[in-house]
Each structure stands twice: as C-alpha cells, then as structure tokens.
C-alpha cells in the first residue's frame, strides 16, 4: 500500500468508530440533520478537489466523483 491508502484507511476507521478529533461524534439516525448536511457538503466538495491519482487510489473515476459531488445534500 502507498501512503495515501494508509491515510484513507485510518480516516475511514475513525469514521466507522464515530471519532471526531478524539471525541465521539454521533452517526446515523442520532446525527442531527444540520450535522449531516454540513458533513455531506464538506465531503462532496473535498471529493472534487482530489487529484486523478488520489481518485485512482480510491477506485473511482473523475466522472464518478463529479456525479457523487453533484448529488443533492438530502441524498445519502
């Protein structure tokens, strides 16, 4: 694995555990709608900023990233 994959796995693990800067962060139904909204906006915007190499690393194309990023915030 390269460095990017290691970072991604670490971040994904933190998300699965519900950790946010060392604190427990609510996920799923307990998460407030505003928190869900801002998380979706932030992560979809970040997806557009990934390089082609980073997108290849996570296994999606530029077009797939664009489609995901343009999804409305109310869609999971």
PDB file of N, CA and C in Angstrom:
ATOM      1  N   UNK A   1       0.841  -1.187   0.000  1.00  0.00           N
ATOM      2  CA  UNK A   1       0.000   0.000   0.000  1.00  0.00           C
ATOM      3  C   UNK A   1       0.877   1.238   0.000  1.00  0.00           C
ATOM      4  N   UNK A   2       0.353   2.281  -0.615  1.00  0.00           N
ATOM      5  CA  UNK A   2       1.110   3.533  -0.587  1.00  0.00           C
ATOM      6  C   UNK A   2       0.625   4.407   0.567  1.00  0.00           C
ATOM      7  N   UNK A   3       1.253   5.542   0.752  1.00  0.00           N
ATOM      8  CA  UNK A   3       0.919   6.425   1.865  1.00  0.00           C
ATOM      9  C   UNK A   3      -0.514   6.910   1.850  1.00  0.00           C
ATOM     10  N   UNK A   4      -1.048   7.196   0.656  1.00  0.00           N
ATOM     11  CA  UNK A   4      -2.414   7.700   0.557  1.00  0.00           C
ATOM     12  C   UNK A   4      -3.421   6.656   1.039  1.00  0.00           C
ATOM     13  N   UNK A   5      -3.196   5.405   0.689  1.00  0.00           N
ATOM     14  CA  UNK A   5      -4.099   4.346   1.120  1.00  0.00           C
ATOM     15  C   UNK A   5      -4.072   4.205   2.635  1.00  0.00           C
ATOM     16  N   UNK A   6      -2.893   4.295   3.236  1.00  0.00           N
ATOM     17  CA  UNK A   6      -2.772   4.206   4.686  1.00  0.00           C
ATOM     18  C   UNK A   6      -3.562   5.315   5.366  1.00  0.00           C
ATOM     19  N   UNK A   7      -3.452   6.527   4.847  1.00  0.00           N
ATOM     20  CA  UNK A   7      -4.179   7.670   5.413  1.00  0.00           C
ATOM     21  C   UNK A   7      -5.672   7.448   5.273  1.00  0.00           C
ATOM     22  N   UNK A   8      -6.100   6.992   4.096  1.00  0.00           N
ATOM     23  CA  UNK A   8      -7.515   6.777   3.845  1.00  0.00           C
ATOM     24  C   UNK A   8      -8.074   5.719   4.790  1.00  0.00           C
ATOM     25  N   UNK A   9      -7.338   4.635   5.004  1.00  0.00           N
ATOM     26  CA  UNK A   9      -7.795   3.585   5.908  1.00  0.00           C
ATOM     27  C   UNK A   9      -7.909   4.099   7.333  1.00  0.00           C
ATOM     28  N   UNK A  10      -6.967   4.917   7.749  1.00  0.00           N
ATOM     29  CA  UNK A  10      -7.005   5.487   9.087  1.00  0.00           C
ATOM     30  C   UNK A  10      -8.216   6.397   9.238  1.00  0.00           C
ATOM     31  N   UNK A  11      -8.452   7.254   8.253  1.00  0.00           N
ATOM     32  CA  UNK A  11      -9.599   8.156   8.320  1.00  0.00           C
ATOM     33  C   UNK A  11     -10.912   7.376   8.296  1.00  0.00           C
ATOM     34  N   UNK A  12     -10.975   6.344   7.451  1.00  0.00           N
ATOM     35  CA  UNK A  12     -12.190   5.546   7.377  1.00  0.00           C
ATOM     36  C   UNK A  12     -12.440   4.838   8.706  1.00  0.00           C
ATOM     37  N   UNK A  13     -11.386   4.338   9.341  1.00  0.00           N
ATOM     38  CA  UNK A  13     -11.536   3.686  10.630  1.00  0.00           C
ATOM     39  C   UNK A  13     -12.093   4.664  11.662  1.00  0.00           C
ATOM     40  N   UNK A  14     -11.580   5.883  11.666  1.00  0.00           N
ATOM     41  CA  UNK A  14     -12.071   6.896  12.608  1.00  0.00           C
ATOM     42  C   UNK A  14     -13.547   7.173  12.354  1.00  0.00           C
ATOM     43  N   UNK A  15     -13.942   7.239  11.093  1.00  0.00           N
ATOM     44  CA  UNK A  15     -15.338   7.498  10.757  1.00  0.00           C
ATOM     45  C   UNK A  15     -16.224   6.342  11.222  1.00  0.00           C
ATOM     46  N   UNK A  16     -15.774   5.099  10.994  1.00  0.00           N
ATOM     47  CA  UNK A  16     -16.558   3.941  11.417  1.00  0.00           C
ATOM     48  C   UNK A  16     -16.727   3.895  12.932  1.00  0.00           C
ATOM     49  N   UNK A  17     -15.691   4.295  13.647  1.00  0.00           N
ATOM     50  CA  UNK A  17     -15.760   4.295  15.102  1.00  0.00           C
ATOM     51  C   UNK A  17     -16.513   5.499  15.646  1.00  0.00           C
ATOM     52  N   UNK A  18     -16.805   6.476  14.783  1.00  0.00           N
ATOM     53  CA  UNK A  18     -17.517   7.660  15.231  1.00  0.00           C
ATOM     54  C   UNK A  18     -16.637   8.647  15.954  1.00  0.00           C
ATOM     55  N   UNK A  19     -15.340   8.613  15.668  1.00  0.00           N
ATOM     56  CA  UNK A  19     -14.412   9.517  16.326  1.00  0.00           C
ATOM     57  C   UNK A  19     -14.235  10.786  15.516  1.00  0.00           C
ATOM     58  N   UNK A  20     -14.262  11.904  16.198  1.00  0.00           N
ATOM     59  CA  UNK A  20     -14.067  13.187  15.544  1.00  0.00           C
ATOM     60  C   UNK A  20     -13.121  14.006  16.416  1.00  0.00           C
ATOM     61  N   UNK A  21     -11.849  14.075  16.039  1.00  0.00           N
ATOM     62  CA  UNK A  21     -10.832  14.773  16.827  1.00  0.00           C
ATOM     63  C   UNK A  21     -10.753  14.229  18.251  1.00  0.00           C
ATOM     64  N   UNK A  22     -10.856  12.909  18.376  1.00  0.00           N
ATOM     65  CA  UNK A  22     -10.722  12.297  19.684  1.00  0.00           C
ATOM     66  C   UNK A  22     -12.008  12.251  20.487  1.00  0.00           C
ATOM     67  N   UNK A  23     -13.075  12.870  20.011  1.00  0.00           N
ATOM     68  CA  UNK A  23     -14.347  12.850  20.727  1.00  0.00           C
ATOM     69  C   UNK A  23     -15.314  11.959  19.962  1.00  0.00           C
ATOM     70  N   UNK A  24     -16.255  11.390  20.665  1.00  0.00           N
ATOM     71  CA  UNK A  24     -17.278  10.606  19.985  1.00  0.00           C
ATOM     72  C   UNK A  24     -18.215  11.541  19.244  1.00  0.00           C
ATOM     73  N   UNK A  25     -18.457  11.225  17.986  1.00  0.00           N
ATOM     74  CA  UNK A  25     -19.365  12.024  17.167  1.00  0.00           C
ATOM     75  C   UNK A  25     -20.535  11.154  16.762  1.00  0.00           C
ATOM     76  N   UNK A  26     -21.755  11.646  16.934  1.00  0.00           N
ATOM     77  CA  UNK A  26     -22.912  10.842  16.565  1.00  0.00           C
ATOM     78  C   UNK A  26     -22.933  10.541  15.074  1.00  0.00           C
ATOM     79  N   UNK A  27     -23.378   9.356  14.715  1.00  0.00           N
ATOM     80  CA  UNK A  27     -23.513   8.938  13.324  1.00  0.00           C
ATOM     81  C   UNK A  27     -24.886   8.315  13.147  1.00  0.00           C
ATOM     82  N   UNK A  28     -25.342   8.249  11.939  1.00  0.00           N
ATOM     83  CA  UNK A  28     -26.600   7.595  11.623  1.00  0.00           C
ATOM     84  C   UNK A  28     -27.792   8.395  12.117  1.00  0.00           C
ATOM     85  N   UNK A  29     -28.841   7.701  12.598  1.00  0.00           N
ATOM     86  CA  UNK A  29     -30.079   8.372  12.991  1.00  0.00           C
ATOM     87  C   UNK A  29     -29.893   9.393  14.107  1.00  0.00           C
ATOM     88  N   UNK A  30     -28.904   9.185  14.996  1.00  0.00           N
ATOM     89  CA  UNK A  30     -28.700  10.105  16.114  1.00  0.00           C
ATOM     90  C   UNK A  30     -28.025  11.406  15.669  1.00  0.00           C
ATOM     91  N   UNK A  31     -27.448  11.411  14.487  1.00  0.00           N
ATOM     92  CA  UNK A  31     -26.760  12.599  13.993  1.00  0.00           C
ATOM     93  C   UNK A  31     -27.790  13.651  13.594  1.00  0.00           C
ATOM     94  N   UNK A  32     -27.577  14.889  14.010  1.00  0.00           N
ATOM     95  CA  UNK A  32     -28.543  15.933  13.677  1.00  0.00           C
ATOM     96  C   UNK A  32     -28.573  16.183  12.178  1.00  0.00           C
ATOM     97  N   UNK A  33     -29.682  16.666  11.705  1.00  0.00           N
ATOM     98  CA  UNK A  33     -29.830  16.932  10.268  1.00  0.00           C
ATOM     99  C   UNK A  33     -28.841  17.988   9.791  1.00  0.00           C
ATOM    100  N   UNK A  34     -28.596  19.002  10.614  1.00  0.00           N
ATOM    101  CA  UNK A  34     -27.642  20.036  10.218  1.00  0.00           C
ATOM    102  C   UNK A  34     -26.242  19.458  10.120  1.00  0.00           C
ATOM    103  N   UNK A  35     -25.887  18.609  11.060  1.00  0.00           N
ATOM    104  CA  UNK A  35     -24.560  17.996  11.038  1.00  0.00           C
ATOM    105  C   UNK A  35     -24.402  17.111   9.800  1.00  0.00           C
ATOM    106  N   UNK A  36     -25.447  16.348   9.476  1.00  0.00           N
ATOM    107  CA  UNK A  36     -25.430  15.526   8.262  1.00  0.00           C
ATOM    108  C   UNK A  36     -25.277  16.406   7.033  1.00  0.00           C
ATOM    109  N   UNK A  37     -26.049  17.490   6.981  1.00  0.00           N
ATOM    110  CA  UNK A  37     -25.982  18.411   5.839  1.00  0.00           C
ATOM    111  C   UNK A  37     -24.569  18.930   5.634  1.00  0.00           C
ATOM    112  N   UNK A  38     -23.961  19.465   6.690  1.00  0.00           N
ATOM    113  CA  UNK A  38     -22.630  20.058   6.551  1.00  0.00           C
ATOM    114  C   UNK A  38     -21.562  19.009   6.266  1.00  0.00           C
ATOM    115  N   UNK A  39     -21.716  17.803   6.843  1.00  0.00           N
ATOM    116  CA  UNK A  39     -20.758  16.738   6.550  1.00  0.00           C
ATOM    117  C   UNK A  39     -20.836  16.358   5.076  1.00  0.00           C
ATOM    118  N   UNK A  40     -22.041  16.219   4.542  1.00  0.00           N
ATOM    119  CA  UNK A  40     -22.205  15.868   3.128  1.00  0.00           C
ATOM    120  C   UNK A  40     -21.676  16.969   2.217  1.00  0.00           C
ATOM    121  N   UNK A  41     -21.976  18.207   2.544  1.00  0.00           N
ATOM    122  CA  UNK A  41     -21.478  19.324   1.728  1.00  0.00           C
ATOM    123  C   UNK A  41     -19.954  19.320   1.722  1.00  0.00           C
ATOM    124  N   UNK A  42     -19.358  19.191   2.908  1.00  0.00           N
ATOM    125  CA  UNK A  42     -17.897  19.230   3.036  1.00  0.00           C
ATOM    126  C   UNK A  42     -17.231  18.070   2.301  1.00  0.00           C
ATOM    127  N   UNK A  43     -17.712  16.848   2.512  1.00  0.00           N
ATOM    128  CA  UNK A  43     -17.050  15.699   1.912  1.00  0.00           C
ATOM    129  C   UNK A  43     -17.247  15.651   0.408  1.00  0.00           C
ATOM    130  N   UNK A  44     -18.401  16.088  -0.075  1.00  0.00           N
ATOM    131  CA  UNK A  44     -18.613  16.099  -1.527  1.00  0.00           C
ATOM    132  C   UNK A  44     -17.766  17.176  -2.190  1.00  0.00           C
ATOM    133  N   UNK A  45     -17.564  18.287  -1.525  1.00  0.00           N
ATOM    134  CA  UNK A  45     -16.680  19.337  -2.052  1.00  0.00           C
ATOM    135  C   UNK A  45     -15.237  18.848  -2.081  1.00  0.00           C
ATOM    136  N   UNK A  46     -14.830  18.145  -1.029  1.00  0.00           N
ATOM    137  CA  UNK A  46     -13.469  17.605  -0.968  1.00  0.00           C
ATOM    138  C   UNK A  46     -13.241  16.566  -2.059  1.00  0.00           C
ATOM    139  N   UNK A  47     -14.273  15.817  -2.400  1.00  0.00           N
ATOM    140  CA  UNK A  47     -14.154  14.818  -3.452  1.00  0.00           C
ATOM    141  C   UNK A  47     -13.766  15.462  -4.776  1.00  0.00           C
ATOM    142  N   UNK A  48     -14.314  16.636  -5.053  1.00  0.00           N
ATOM    143  CA  UNK A  48     -13.987  17.348  -6.291  1.00  0.00           C
ATOM    144  C   UNK A  48     -12.545  17.846  -6.316  1.00  0.00           C
ATOM    145  N   UNK A  49     -11.951  18.012  -5.152  1.00  0.00           N
ATOM    146  CA  UNK A  49     -10.592  18.551  -5.060  1.00  0.00           C
ATOM    147  C   UNK A  49      -9.503  17.480  -5.160  1.00  0.00           C
ATOM    148  N   UNK A  50      -9.895  16.192  -5.178  1.00  0.00           N
ATOM    149  CA  UNK A  50      -8.904  15.127  -5.257  1.00  0.00           C
ATOM    150  C   UNK A  50      -8.250  15.095  -6.635  1.00  0.00           C
ATOM    151  N   UNK A  51      -6.978  14.751  -6.658  1.00  0.00           N
ATOM    152  CA  UNK A  51      -6.260  14.624  -7.923  1.00  0.00           C
ATOM    153  C   UNK A  51      -6.670  13.319  -8.609  1.00  0.00           C
ATOM    154  N   UNK A  52      -6.307  13.183  -9.882  1.00  0.00           N
ATOM    155  CA  UNK A  52      -6.601  11.947 -10.610  1.00  0.00           C
ATOM    156  C   UNK A  52      -5.935  10.742  -9.943  1.00  0.00           C
ATOM    157  N   UNK A  53      -4.734  10.930  -9.433  1.00  0.00           N
ATOM    158  CA  UNK A  53      -4.029   9.845  -8.743  1.00  0.00           C
ATOM    159  C   UNK A  53      -4.773   9.431  -7.472  1.00  0.00           C
ATOM    160  N   UNK A  54      -5.251  10.398  -6.710  1.00  0.00           N
ATOM    161  CA  UNK A  54      -5.992  10.089  -5.492  1.00  0.00           C
ATOM    162  C   UNK A  54      -7.310   9.387  -5.819  1.00  0.00           C
ATOM    163  N   UNK A  55      -7.971   9.813  -6.885  1.00  0.00           N
ATOM    164  CA  UNK A  55      -9.214   9.151  -7.290  1.00  0.00           C
ATOM    165  C   UNK A  55      -8.949   7.713  -7.711  1.00  0.00           C
ATOM    166  N   UNK A  56      -7.862   7.494  -8.452  1.00  0.00           N
ATOM    167  CA  UNK A  56      -7.490   6.133  -8.834  1.00  0.00           C
ATOM    168  C   UNK A  56      -7.223   5.287  -7.594  1.00  0.00           C
ATOM    169  N   UNK A  57      -6.593   5.900  -6.592  1.00  0.00           N
ATOM    170  CA  UNK A  57      -6.262   5.199  -5.364  1.00  0.00           C
ATOM    171  C   UNK A  57      -7.515   4.697  -4.642  1.00  0.00           C
ATOM    172  N   UNK A  58      -8.585   5.477  -4.670  1.00  0.00           N
ATOM    173  CA  UNK A  58      -9.818   5.049  -4.002  1.00  0.00           C
ATOM    174  C   UNK A  58     -10.749   4.292  -4.939  1.00  0.00           C
ATOM    175  N   UNK A  59     -10.335   4.165  -6.210  1.00  0.00           N
ATOM    176  CA  UNK A  59     -11.063   3.305  -7.139  1.00  0.00           C
ATOM    177  C   UNK A  59     -12.254   3.925  -7.833  1.00  0.00           C
ATOM    178  N   UNK A  60     -12.246   5.244  -8.010  1.00  0.00           N
ATOM    179  CA  UNK A  60     -13.340   5.873  -8.757  1.00  0.00           C
ATOM    180  C   UNK A  60     -12.769   6.794  -9.829  1.00  0.00           C
ATOM    181  N   UNK A  61     -13.566   7.029 -10.850  1.00  0.00           N
ATOM    182  CA  UNK A  61     -13.142   7.900 -11.943  1.00  0.00           C
ATOM    183  C   UNK A  61     -13.510   9.350 -11.623  1.00  0.00           C
ATOM    184  N   UNK A  62     -12.979  10.254 -12.404  1.00  0.00           N
ATOM    185  CA  UNK A  62     -13.295  11.677 -12.255  1.00  0.00           C
ATOM    186  C   UNK A  62     -14.806  11.886 -12.449  1.00  0.00           C
ATOM    187  N   UNK A  63     -15.390  11.176 -13.422  1.00  0.00           N
ATOM    188  CA  UNK A  63     -16.830  11.306 -13.693  1.00  0.00           C
ATOM    189  C   UNK A  63     -17.660  10.796 -12.517  1.00  0.00           C
ATOM    190  N   UNK A  64     -17.269   9.679 -11.921  1.00  0.00           N
ATOM    191  CA  UNK A  64     -17.986   9.159 -10.753  1.00  0.00           C
ATOM    192  C   UNK A  64     -17.898  10.135  -9.578  1.00  0.00           C
ATOM    193  N   UNK A  65     -16.743  10.747  -9.407  1.00  0.00           N
ATOM    194  CA  UNK A  65     -16.567  11.739  -8.342  1.00  0.00           C
ATOM    195  C   UNK A  65     -17.463  12.943  -8.595  1.00  0.00           C
ATOM    196  N   UNK A  66     -17.532  13.378  -9.846  1.00  0.00           N
ATOM    197  CA  UNK A  66     -18.377  14.525 -10.196  1.00  0.00           C
ATOM    198  C   UNK A  66     -19.849  14.217  -9.925  1.00  0.00           C
ATOM    199  N   UNK A  67     -20.293  13.026 -10.324  1.00  0.00           N
ATOM    200  CA  UNK A  67     -21.687  12.632 -10.108  1.00  0.00           C
ATOM    201  C   UNK A  67     -22.012  12.605  -8.616  1.00  0.00           C
ATOM    202  N   UNK A  68     -21.124  12.022  -7.822  1.00  0.00           N
ATOM    203  CA  UNK A  68     -21.337  11.967  -6.375  1.00  0.00           C
ATOM    204  C   UNK A  68     -21.357  13.368  -5.770  1.00  0.00           C
ATOM    205  N   UNK A  69     -20.447  14.218  -6.198  1.00  0.00           N
ATOM    206  CA  UNK A  69     -20.347  15.569  -5.645  1.00  0.00           C
ATOM    207  C   UNK A  69     -21.560  16.424  -5.998  1.00  0.00           C
ATOM    208  N   UNK A  70     -22.212  16.142  -7.107  1.00  0.00           N
ATOM    209  CA  UNK A  70     -23.371  16.933  -7.525  1.00  0.00           C
ATOM    210  C   UNK A  70     -24.693  16.421  -6.973  1.00  0.00           C
ATOM    211  N   UNK A  71     -24.642  15.324  -6.232  1.00  0.00           N
ATOM    212  CA  UNK A  71     -25.872  14.810  -5.620  1.00  0.00           C
ATOM    213  C   UNK A  71     -26.410  15.815  -4.614  1.00  0.00           C
ATOM    214  N   UNK A  72     -27.730  15.944  -4.503  1.00  0.00           N
ATOM    215  CA  UNK A  72     -28.301  16.862  -3.504  1.00  0.00           C
ATOM    216  C   UNK A  72     -27.928  16.417  -2.093  1.00  0.00           C
ATOM    217  N   UNK A  73     -27.808  17.362  -1.187  1.00  0.00           N
ATOM    218  CA  UNK A  73     -27.375  17.065   0.178  1.00  0.00           C
ATOM    219  C   UNK A  73     -28.336  16.127   0.913  1.00  0.00           C
ATOM    220  N   UNK A  74     -29.574  16.094   0.494  1.00  0.00           N
ATOM    221  CA  UNK A  74     -30.544  15.244   1.207  1.00  0.00           C
ATOM    222  C   UNK A  74     -30.463  13.782   0.765  1.00  0.00           C
ATOM    223  N   UNK A  75     -29.667  13.487  -0.243  1.00  0.00           N
ATOM    224  CA  UNK A  75     -29.482  12.097  -0.683  1.00  0.00           C
ATOM    225  C   UNK A  75     -28.221  11.533  -0.045  1.00  0.00           C
ATOM    226  N   UNK A  76     -28.328  10.324   0.504  1.00  0.00           N
ATOM    227  CA  UNK A  76     -27.159   9.673   1.121  1.00  0.00           C
ATOM    228  C   UNK A  76     -26.167   9.249   0.087  1.00  0.00           C
TER     229      UNK A  76
END
